[in-house]
Protein backbone atom coordinates (compact mmCIF):
# COMPACT_ATOMS: atom_id res chain seq x y z
CA MET A 1 119.04 95.59 91.87
CA SER A 2 117.45 97.75 94.51
CA GLN A 3 116.69 101.40 95.10
CA THR A 4 117.19 103.14 98.45
CA PHE A 5 115.06 106.11 99.48
CA THR A 6 113.90 108.01 102.58
CA ASP A 7 110.25 108.43 103.54
CA ASP A 8 108.50 111.38 105.21
CA ASP A 9 109.33 109.98 108.66
CA LEU A 10 113.04 109.92 107.75
CA LEU A 11 113.14 106.13 107.61
CA THR A 12 115.41 104.66 104.97
CA TRP A 13 113.86 101.97 102.78
CA GLU A 14 115.23 99.59 100.20
CA ALA A 15 112.85 98.66 97.37
CA PHE A 16 113.34 95.80 94.93
CA ALA A 17 111.21 93.94 92.41
CA THR A 18 110.50 90.25 92.52
CA GLY A 19 108.55 87.80 90.42
CA GLY A 20 105.08 86.59 91.26
CA LYS A 21 103.98 83.33 92.80
CA TYR A 22 106.36 80.43 92.18
CA GLY A 23 108.90 82.83 90.67
CA LEU A 24 106.81 83.48 87.58
CA SER A 25 107.13 86.82 85.83
CA VAL A 26 103.40 87.65 86.07
CA ARG A 27 101.85 89.53 89.01
CA PRO A 28 105.19 90.84 90.30
CA LYS A 29 105.73 92.50 93.65
CA VAL A 30 107.80 95.40 94.87
CA ILE A 31 109.24 94.56 98.29
CA PHE A 32 110.10 97.30 100.80
CA HIS A 33 112.63 96.62 103.56
CA CYS A 34 113.34 99.27 106.20
CA LEU A 35 117.08 99.68 106.64
CA SER A 36 116.94 102.20 109.49
CA ASP A 37 114.46 100.35 111.75
CA ARG A 38 114.94 96.59 111.58
CA ALA A 39 111.93 96.08 113.89
CA LEU A 40 109.58 97.08 111.06
CA ARG A 41 108.34 94.14 109.05
CA PRO A 42 109.05 94.12 105.31
CA ARG A 43 106.17 95.30 103.14
CA TYR A 44 105.03 94.57 99.59
CA VAL A 45 102.72 95.77 96.86
CA GLU A 46 101.61 93.68 93.90
CA LEU A 47 101.75 95.35 90.49
CA PRO A 48 100.08 94.59 87.17
CA GLY A 49 102.24 93.48 84.27
CA ASP A 50 105.37 91.41 84.54
CA GLU A 51 108.61 91.50 86.49
CA ALA A 52 110.26 93.82 83.95
CA ASP A 53 107.51 96.39 84.60
CA ALA A 54 108.15 96.17 88.34
CA GLU A 55 111.90 96.63 87.77
CA GLU A 56 111.14 99.76 85.76
CA VAL A 57 109.03 101.19 88.60
CA VAL A 58 111.86 100.61 91.08
CA HIS A 59 114.69 101.95 88.94
CA GLU A 60 113.29 104.49 86.52
CA HIS A 61 110.41 106.26 88.27
CA HIS A 62 110.79 109.17 90.65
CA VAL A 63 111.03 108.47 94.38
CA ASP A 64 107.52 109.92 94.79
CA ARG A 65 106.15 106.84 93.02
CA LEU A 66 107.97 104.55 95.45
CA LEU A 67 106.60 106.55 98.39
CA GLU A 68 103.10 106.20 96.96
CA LEU A 69 103.55 102.43 96.60
CA LEU A 70 104.98 102.20 100.13
CA ARG A 71 101.83 103.87 101.51
CA GLU A 72 99.69 101.32 99.61
CA SER A 73 101.81 98.34 100.70
CA LYS A 74 100.89 95.53 103.09
CA GLU A 75 103.05 93.72 105.62
CA LEU A 76 104.83 90.70 104.22
CA GLU A 77 103.61 87.53 105.93
């Protein structure tokens, strides 16, 4: 499942959690995909814990937390 939110520049982002390397639950990532500007590359941030923790961040925390993570994110290669 994903969460959609708007940043300070009025861009609409979709955030979703994914497992770590090789699909393992450890070292999960939150992926950010810009829905309103397809030219922007997807971004990610790696979180401590497991994939369930990342899912909780995406679905149960306030949008301010997602904005904070988006600012810390790196371009997906």
